[in-house]
Amino acid sequence: MKITDWDNGEIVRVLVARNKISQKELIKMLEGYTKEEIPQSTFANRIFRNSMRLREFQQICEVLGYDLIIEPRKEP
């Protein structure tokens, strides 16, 4: 899927919905992966304010089994 024009919240909502999990379950998965506590309010605020770091987004993709691929645009 092309996500160039999407914000963090839209992307995370799609990934959570596709995996049929809640945001709370995603946080638990991330905590298991990073071995760090992630307050739900902090996570939700980063998504809402579109201030998620690239590393955090990479970790979400990792725990949900997605690859991030950057490739050149195809000419029309």
PDB file of N, CA and C in Angstrom:
ATOM      1  N   MET A   1       0.837  -1.168   0.000  1.00  0.00           N
ATOM      2  CA  MET A   1       0.000   0.000   0.000  1.00  0.00           C
ATOM      3  C   MET A   1       0.888   1.239   0.000  1.00  0.00           C
ATOM      4  N   LYS A   2       0.469   2.250  -0.677  1.00  0.00           N
ATOM      5  CA  LYS A   2       1.220   3.500  -0.743  1.00  0.00           C
ATOM      6  C   LYS A   2       0.781   4.395   0.410  1.00  0.00           C
ATOM      7  N   ILE A   3       1.725   4.793   1.252  1.00  0.00           N
ATOM      8  CA  ILE A   3       1.385   5.554   2.451  1.00  0.00           C
ATOM      9  C   ILE A   3       2.006   6.945   2.462  1.00  0.00           C
ATOM     10  N   THR A   4       2.461   7.414   1.349  1.00  0.00           N
ATOM     11  CA  THR A   4       3.168   8.687   1.272  1.00  0.00           C
ATOM     12  C   THR A   4       2.386   9.843   1.896  1.00  0.00           C
ATOM     13  N   ASP A   5       1.108   9.897   1.699  1.00  0.00           N
ATOM     14  CA  ASP A   5       0.303  11.022   2.179  1.00  0.00           C
ATOM     15  C   ASP A   5      -0.415  10.749   3.499  1.00  0.00           C
ATOM     16  N   TRP A   6      -0.139   9.631   4.141  1.00  0.00           N
ATOM     17  CA  TRP A   6      -0.814   9.276   5.388  1.00  0.00           C
ATOM     18  C   TRP A   6      -0.038   9.803   6.582  1.00  0.00           C
ATOM     19  N   ASP A   7      -0.743   9.980   7.708  1.00  0.00           N
ATOM     20  CA  ASP A   7      -0.032  10.330   8.933  1.00  0.00           C
ATOM     21  C   ASP A   7       0.098   9.088   9.817  1.00  0.00           C
ATOM     22  N   ASN A   8       0.815   9.235  10.922  1.00  0.00           N
ATOM     23  CA  ASN A   8       1.079   8.093  11.819  1.00  0.00           C
ATOM     24  C   ASN A   8      -0.200   7.383  12.255  1.00  0.00           C
ATOM     25  N   GLY A   9      -1.184   8.159  12.660  1.00  0.00           N
ATOM     26  CA  GLY A   9      -2.423   7.572  13.167  1.00  0.00           C
ATOM     27  C   GLY A   9      -3.120   6.707  12.143  1.00  0.00           C
ATOM     28  N   GLU A  10      -3.174   7.184  10.918  1.00  0.00           N
ATOM     29  CA  GLU A  10      -3.826   6.401   9.857  1.00  0.00           C
ATOM     30  C   GLU A  10      -3.090   5.092   9.610  1.00  0.00           C
ATOM     31  N   ILE A  11      -1.784   5.159   9.551  1.00  0.00           N
ATOM     32  CA  ILE A  11      -0.993   3.957   9.290  1.00  0.00           C
ATOM     33  C   ILE A  11      -1.147   2.950  10.422  1.00  0.00           C
ATOM     34  N   VAL A  12      -1.003   3.404  11.660  1.00  0.00           N
ATOM     35  CA  VAL A  12      -1.100   2.499  12.803  1.00  0.00           C
ATOM     36  C   VAL A  12      -2.502   1.897  12.896  1.00  0.00           C
ATOM     37  N   ARG A  13      -3.548   2.701  12.648  1.00  0.00           N
ATOM     38  CA  ARG A  13      -4.920   2.165  12.692  1.00  0.00           C
ATOM     39  C   ARG A  13      -5.113   1.055  11.651  1.00  0.00           C
ATOM     40  N   VAL A  14      -4.572   1.249  10.461  1.00  0.00           N
ATOM     41  CA  VAL A  14      -4.689   0.218   9.416  1.00  0.00           C
ATOM     42  C   VAL A  14      -3.949  -1.048   9.837  1.00  0.00           C
ATOM     43  N   LEU A  15      -2.736  -0.900  10.348  1.00  0.00           N
ATOM     44  CA  LEU A  15      -1.959  -2.074  10.753  1.00  0.00           C
ATOM     45  C   LEU A  15      -2.624  -2.822  11.903  1.00  0.00           C
ATOM     46  N   VAL A  16      -3.160  -2.075  12.862  1.00  0.00           N
ATOM     47  CA  VAL A  16      -3.851  -2.697  13.998  1.00  0.00           C
ATOM     48  C   VAL A  16      -5.107  -3.428  13.507  1.00  0.00           C
ATOM     49  N   ALA A  17      -5.865  -2.798  12.628  1.00  0.00           N
ATOM     50  CA  ALA A  17      -7.088  -3.418  12.108  1.00  0.00           C
ATOM     51  C   ALA A  17      -6.764  -4.669  11.287  1.00  0.00           C
ATOM     52  N   ARG A  18      -5.763  -4.590  10.456  1.00  0.00           N
ATOM     53  CA  ARG A  18      -5.400  -5.757   9.631  1.00  0.00           C
ATOM     54  C   ARG A  18      -4.952  -6.936  10.474  1.00  0.00           C
ATOM     55  N   ASN A  19      -4.368  -6.648  11.615  1.00  0.00           N
ATOM     56  CA  ASN A  19      -3.893  -7.713  12.499  1.00  0.00           C
ATOM     57  C   ASN A  19      -4.911  -8.086  13.571  1.00  0.00           C
ATOM     58  N   LYS A  20      -6.061  -7.416  13.556  1.00  0.00           N
ATOM     59  CA  LYS A  20      -7.163  -7.708  14.480  1.00  0.00           C
ATOM     60  C   LYS A  20      -6.706  -7.686  15.943  1.00  0.00           C
ATOM     61  N   ILE A  21      -5.977  -6.621  16.283  1.00  0.00           N
ATOM     62  CA  ILE A  21      -5.534  -6.428  17.661  1.00  0.00           C
ATOM     63  C   ILE A  21      -5.920  -5.017  18.093  1.00  0.00           C
ATOM     64  N   SER A  22      -5.860  -4.768  19.385  1.00  0.00           N
ATOM     65  CA  SER A  22      -6.138  -3.435  19.904  1.00  0.00           C
ATOM     66  C   SER A  22      -4.826  -2.667  20.063  1.00  0.00           C
ATOM     67  N   GLN A  23      -4.956  -1.375  20.272  1.00  0.00           N
ATOM     68  CA  GLN A  23      -3.768  -0.557  20.504  1.00  0.00           C
ATOM     69  C   GLN A  23      -3.060  -1.031  21.774  1.00  0.00           C
ATOM     70  N   LYS A  24      -3.843  -1.419  22.762  1.00  0.00           N
ATOM     71  CA  LYS A  24      -3.277  -1.913  24.023  1.00  0.00           C
ATOM     72  C   LYS A  24      -2.463  -3.192  23.784  1.00  0.00           C
ATOM     73  N   GLU A  25      -2.966  -4.084  22.938  1.00  0.00           N
ATOM     74  CA  GLU A  25      -2.227  -5.306  22.610  1.00  0.00           C
ATOM     75  C   GLU A  25      -0.940  -4.980  21.851  1.00  0.00           C
ATOM     76  N   LEU A  26      -1.013  -4.005  20.955  1.00  0.00           N
ATOM     77  CA  LEU A  26       0.180  -3.586  20.222  1.00  0.00           C
ATOM     78  C   LEU A  26       1.231  -3.056  21.184  1.00  0.00           C
ATOM     79  N   ILE A  27       0.823  -2.276  22.158  1.00  0.00           N
ATOM     80  CA  ILE A  27       1.769  -1.741  23.137  1.00  0.00           C
ATOM     81  C   ILE A  27       2.438  -2.868  23.899  1.00  0.00           C
ATOM     82  N   LYS A  28       1.679  -3.880  24.305  1.00  0.00           N
ATOM     83  CA  LYS A  28       2.261  -5.025  25.012  1.00  0.00           C
ATOM     84  C   LYS A  28       3.277  -5.754  24.134  1.00  0.00           C
ATOM     85  N   MET A  29       2.968  -5.892  22.847  1.00  0.00           N
ATOM     86  CA  MET A  29       3.901  -6.525  21.913  1.00  0.00           C
ATOM     87  C   MET A  29       5.187  -5.699  21.802  1.00  0.00           C
ATOM     88  N   LEU A  30       5.036  -4.381  21.719  1.00  0.00           N
ATOM     89  CA  LEU A  30       6.197  -3.498  21.630  1.00  0.00           C
ATOM     90  C   LEU A  30       7.034  -3.553  22.903  1.00  0.00           C
ATOM     91  N   GLU A  31       6.371  -3.596  24.048  1.00  0.00           N
ATOM     92  CA  GLU A  31       7.100  -3.682  25.316  1.00  0.00           C
ATOM     93  C   GLU A  31       7.900  -4.982  25.397  1.00  0.00           C
ATOM     94  N   GLY A  32       7.332  -6.067  24.887  1.00  0.00           N
ATOM     95  CA  GLY A  32       8.064  -7.325  24.856  1.00  0.00           C
ATOM     96  C   GLY A  32       9.263  -7.264  23.921  1.00  0.00           C
ATOM     97  N   TYR A  33       9.117  -6.529  22.843  1.00  0.00           N
ATOM     98  CA  TYR A  33      10.185  -6.402  21.849  1.00  0.00           C
ATOM     99  C   TYR A  33      11.290  -5.468  22.334  1.00  0.00           C
ATOM    100  N   THR A  34      10.911  -4.326  22.901  1.00  0.00           N
ATOM    101  CA  THR A  34      11.895  -3.314  23.299  1.00  0.00           C
ATOM    102  C   THR A  34      12.385  -3.491  24.730  1.00  0.00           C
ATOM    103  N   LYS A  35      11.660  -4.285  25.518  1.00  0.00           N
ATOM    104  CA  LYS A  35      11.964  -4.471  26.944  1.00  0.00           C
ATOM    105  C   LYS A  35      11.867  -3.152  27.715  1.00  0.00           C
ATOM    106  N   GLU A  36      11.042  -2.234  27.215  1.00  0.00           N
ATOM    107  CA  GLU A  36      10.818  -0.952  27.880  1.00  0.00           C
ATOM    108  C   GLU A  36       9.323  -0.752  28.082  1.00  0.00           C
ATOM    109  N   GLU A  37       8.971  -0.062  29.162  1.00  0.00           N
ATOM    110  CA  GLU A  37       7.560   0.241  29.417  1.00  0.00           C
ATOM    111  C   GLU A  37       7.129   1.395  28.516  1.00  0.00           C
ATOM    112  N   ILE A  38       5.949   1.258  27.924  1.00  0.00           N
ATOM    113  CA  ILE A  38       5.412   2.298  27.052  1.00  0.00           C
ATOM    114  C   ILE A  38       4.049   2.698  27.603  1.00  0.00           C
ATOM    115  N   PRO A  39       3.954   3.877  28.216  1.00  0.00           N
ATOM    116  CA  PRO A  39       2.645   4.318  28.718  1.00  0.00           C
ATOM    117  C   PRO A  39       1.659   4.492  27.560  1.00  0.00           C
ATOM    118  N   GLN A  40       0.443   3.994  27.744  1.00  0.00           N
ATOM    119  CA  GLN A  40      -0.550   4.062  26.676  1.00  0.00           C
ATOM    120  C   GLN A  40      -0.842   5.510  26.287  1.00  0.00           C
ATOM    121  N   SER A  41      -0.869   6.411  27.262  1.00  0.00           N
ATOM    122  CA  SER A  41      -1.157   7.809  26.944  1.00  0.00           C
ATOM    123  C   SER A  41      -0.053   8.421  26.083  1.00  0.00           C
ATOM    124  N   THR A  42       1.190   8.082  26.364  1.00  0.00           N
ATOM    125  CA  THR A  42       2.310   8.581  25.566  1.00  0.00           C
ATOM    126  C   THR A  42       2.225   8.062  24.144  1.00  0.00           C
ATOM    127  N   PHE A  43       1.947   6.774  24.006  1.00  0.00           N
ATOM    128  CA  PHE A  43       1.830   6.155  22.684  1.00  0.00           C
ATOM    129  C   PHE A  43       0.690   6.800  21.896  1.00  0.00           C
ATOM    130  N   ALA A  44      -0.454   6.938  22.535  1.00  0.00           N
ATOM    131  CA  ALA A  44      -1.621   7.521  21.865  1.00  0.00           C
ATOM    132  C   ALA A  44      -1.357   8.975  21.466  1.00  0.00           C
ATOM    133  N   ASN A  45      -0.692   9.735  22.330  1.00  0.00           N
ATOM    134  CA  ASN A  45      -0.377  11.131  22.006  1.00  0.00           C
ATOM    135  C   ASN A  45       0.583  11.242  20.835  1.00  0.00           C
ATOM    136  N   ARG A  46       1.565  10.370  20.768  1.00  0.00           N
ATOM    137  CA  ARG A  46       2.504  10.408  19.644  1.00  0.00           C
ATOM    138  C   ARG A  46       1.787  10.119  18.329  1.00  0.00           C
ATOM    139  N   ILE A  47       0.845   9.198  18.379  1.00  0.00           N
ATOM    140  CA  ILE A  47       0.077   8.900  17.166  1.00  0.00           C
ATOM    141  C   ILE A  47      -0.810  10.092  16.816  1.00  0.00           C
ATOM    142  N   PHE A  48      -1.537  10.620  17.806  1.00  0.00           N
ATOM    143  CA  PHE A  48      -2.459  11.720  17.576  1.00  0.00           C
ATOM    144  C   PHE A  48      -1.742  12.970  17.062  1.00  0.00           C
ATOM    145  N   ARG A  49      -0.589  13.267  17.631  1.00  0.00           N
ATOM    146  CA  ARG A  49       0.159  14.477  17.255  1.00  0.00           C
ATOM    147  C   ARG A  49       1.077  14.267  16.048  1.00  0.00           C
ATOM    148  N   ASN A  50       1.064  13.057  15.511  1.00  0.00           N
ATOM    149  CA  ASN A  50       1.901  12.720  14.362  1.00  0.00           C
ATOM    150  C   ASN A  50       3.380  12.973  14.679  1.00  0.00           C
ATOM    151  N   SER A  51       3.792  12.553  15.883  1.00  0.00           N
ATOM    152  CA  SER A  51       5.169  12.798  16.319  1.00  0.00           C
ATOM    153  C   SER A  51       5.932  11.507  16.606  1.00  0.00           C
ATOM    154  N   MET A  52       5.477  10.416  16.028  1.00  0.00           N
ATOM    155  CA  MET A  52       6.151   9.142  16.218  1.00  0.00           C
ATOM    156  C   MET A  52       7.509   9.167  15.504  1.00  0.00           C
ATOM    157  N   ARG A  53       8.508   8.656  16.173  1.00  0.00           N
ATOM    158  CA  ARG A  53       9.846   8.580  15.578  1.00  0.00           C
ATOM    159  C   ARG A  53       9.894   7.427  14.582  1.00  0.00           C
ATOM    160  N   LEU A  54      10.795   7.552  13.630  1.00  0.00           N
ATOM    161  CA  LEU A  54      10.955   6.494  12.633  1.00  0.00           C
ATOM    162  C   LEU A  54      11.269   5.172  13.313  1.00  0.00           C
ATOM    163  N   ARG A  55      12.123   5.176  14.305  1.00  0.00           N
ATOM    164  CA  ARG A  55      12.490   3.938  15.011  1.00  0.00           C
ATOM    165  C   ARG A  55      11.257   3.284  15.630  1.00  0.00           C
ATOM    166  N   GLU A  56      10.376   4.077  16.193  1.00  0.00           N
ATOM    167  CA  GLU A  56       9.149   3.531  16.785  1.00  0.00           C
ATOM    168  C   GLU A  56       8.280   2.892  15.708  1.00  0.00           C
ATOM    169  N   PHE A  57       8.176   3.553  14.569  1.00  0.00           N
ATOM    170  CA  PHE A  57       7.385   2.988  13.469  1.00  0.00           C
ATOM    171  C   PHE A  57       8.027   1.701  12.952  1.00  0.00           C
ATOM    172  N   GLN A  58       9.340   1.668  12.877  1.00  0.00           N
ATOM    173  CA  GLN A  58      10.044   0.454  12.457  1.00  0.00           C
ATOM    174  C   GLN A  58       9.760  -0.689  13.437  1.00  0.00           C
ATOM    175  N   GLN A  59       9.737  -0.390  14.722  1.00  0.00           N
ATOM    176  CA  GLN A  59       9.455  -1.412  15.728  1.00  0.00           C
ATOM    177  C   GLN A  59       8.032  -1.939  15.600  1.00  0.00           C
ATOM    178  N   ILE A  60       7.080  -1.060  15.332  1.00  0.00           N
ATOM    179  CA  ILE A  60       5.698  -1.500  15.121  1.00  0.00           C
ATOM    180  C   ILE A  60       5.634  -2.453  13.938  1.00  0.00           C
ATOM    181  N   CYS A  61       6.264  -2.088  12.843  1.00  0.00           N
ATOM    182  CA  CYS A  61       6.276  -2.953  11.658  1.00  0.00           C
ATOM    183  C   CYS A  61       6.930  -4.297  11.970  1.00  0.00           C
ATOM    184  N   GLU A  62       7.998  -4.265  12.732  1.00  0.00           N
ATOM    185  CA  GLU A  62       8.714  -5.491  13.084  1.00  0.00           C
ATOM    186  C   GLU A  62       7.827  -6.441  13.891  1.00  0.00           C
ATOM    187  N   VAL A  63       7.185  -5.932  14.949  1.00  0.00           N
ATOM    188  CA  VAL A  63       6.384  -6.814  15.801  1.00  0.00           C
ATOM    189  C   VAL A  63       5.130  -7.319  15.095  1.00  0.00           C
ATOM    190  N   LEU A  64       4.651  -6.570  14.091  1.00  0.00           N
ATOM    191  CA  LEU A  64       3.459  -7.003  13.357  1.00  0.00           C
ATOM    192  C   LEU A  64       3.791  -7.798  12.095  1.00  0.00           C
ATOM    193  N   GLY A  65       5.085  -7.931  11.791  1.00  0.00           N
ATOM    194  CA  GLY A  65       5.487  -8.761  10.657  1.00  0.00           C
ATOM    195  C   GLY A  65       5.421  -8.057   9.307  1.00  0.00           C
ATOM    196  N   TYR A  66       5.667  -6.745   9.303  1.00  0.00           N
ATOM    197  CA  TYR A  66       5.662  -5.992   8.051  1.00  0.00           C
ATOM    198  C   TYR A  66       7.072  -5.517   7.724  1.00  0.00           C
ATOM    199  N   ASP A  67       7.359  -5.358   6.436  1.00  0.00           N
ATOM    200  CA  ASP A  67       8.613  -4.792   5.968  1.00  0.00           C
ATOM    201  C   ASP A  67       8.361  -3.372   5.491  1.00  0.00           C
ATOM    202  N   LEU A  68       9.317  -2.504   5.732  1.00  0.00           N
ATOM    203  CA  LEU A  68       9.279  -1.162   5.165  1.00  0.00           C
ATOM    204  C   LEU A  68      10.162  -1.186   3.928  1.00  0.00           C
ATOM    205  N   ILE A  69       9.590  -0.816   2.812  1.00  0.00           N
ATOM    206  CA  ILE A  69      10.332  -0.830   1.557  1.00  0.00           C
ATOM    207  C   ILE A  69      10.245   0.552   0.931  1.00  0.00           C
ATOM    208  N   ILE A  70      11.396   1.104   0.607  1.00  0.00           N
ATOM    209  CA  ILE A  70      11.445   2.389  -0.077  1.00  0.00           C
ATOM    210  C   ILE A  70      11.992   2.100  -1.471  1.00  0.00           C
ATOM    211  N   GLU A  71      11.231   2.518  -2.455  1.00  0.00           N
ATOM    212  CA  GLU A  71      11.651   2.258  -3.814  1.00  0.00           C
ATOM    213  C   GLU A  71      11.359   3.475  -4.687  1.00  0.00           C
ATOM    214  N   PRO A  72      12.083   3.623  -5.785  1.00  0.00           N
ATOM    215  CA  PRO A  72      11.836   4.758  -6.657  1.00  0.00           C
ATOM    216  C   PRO A  72      10.421   4.707  -7.239  1.00  0.00           C
ATOM    217  N   ARG A  73       9.872   5.879  -7.475  1.00  0.00           N
ATOM    218  CA  ARG A  73       8.555   5.947  -8.110  1.00  0.00           C
ATOM    219  C   ARG A  73       8.654   5.476  -9.551  1.00  0.00           C
ATOM    220  N   LYS A  74       7.601   4.877  -9.986  1.00  0.00           N
ATOM    221  CA  LYS A  74       7.516   4.464 -11.374  1.00  0.00           C
ATOM    222  C   LYS A  74       6.984   5.641 -12.184  1.00  0.00           C
ATOM    223  N   GLU A  75       7.606   5.896 -13.281  1.00  0.00           N
ATOM    224  CA  GLU A  75       7.150   6.998 -14.145  1.00  0.00           C
ATOM    225  C   GLU A  75       5.827   6.638 -14.797  1.00  0.00           C
ATOM    226  N   PRO A  76       4.900   7.604 -14.878  1.00  0.00           N
ATOM    227  CA  PRO A  76       3.573   7.311 -15.485  1.00  0.00           C
ATOM    228  C   PRO A  76       3.651   7.051 -16.964  1.00  0.00           C
TER     229      PRO A  76
END
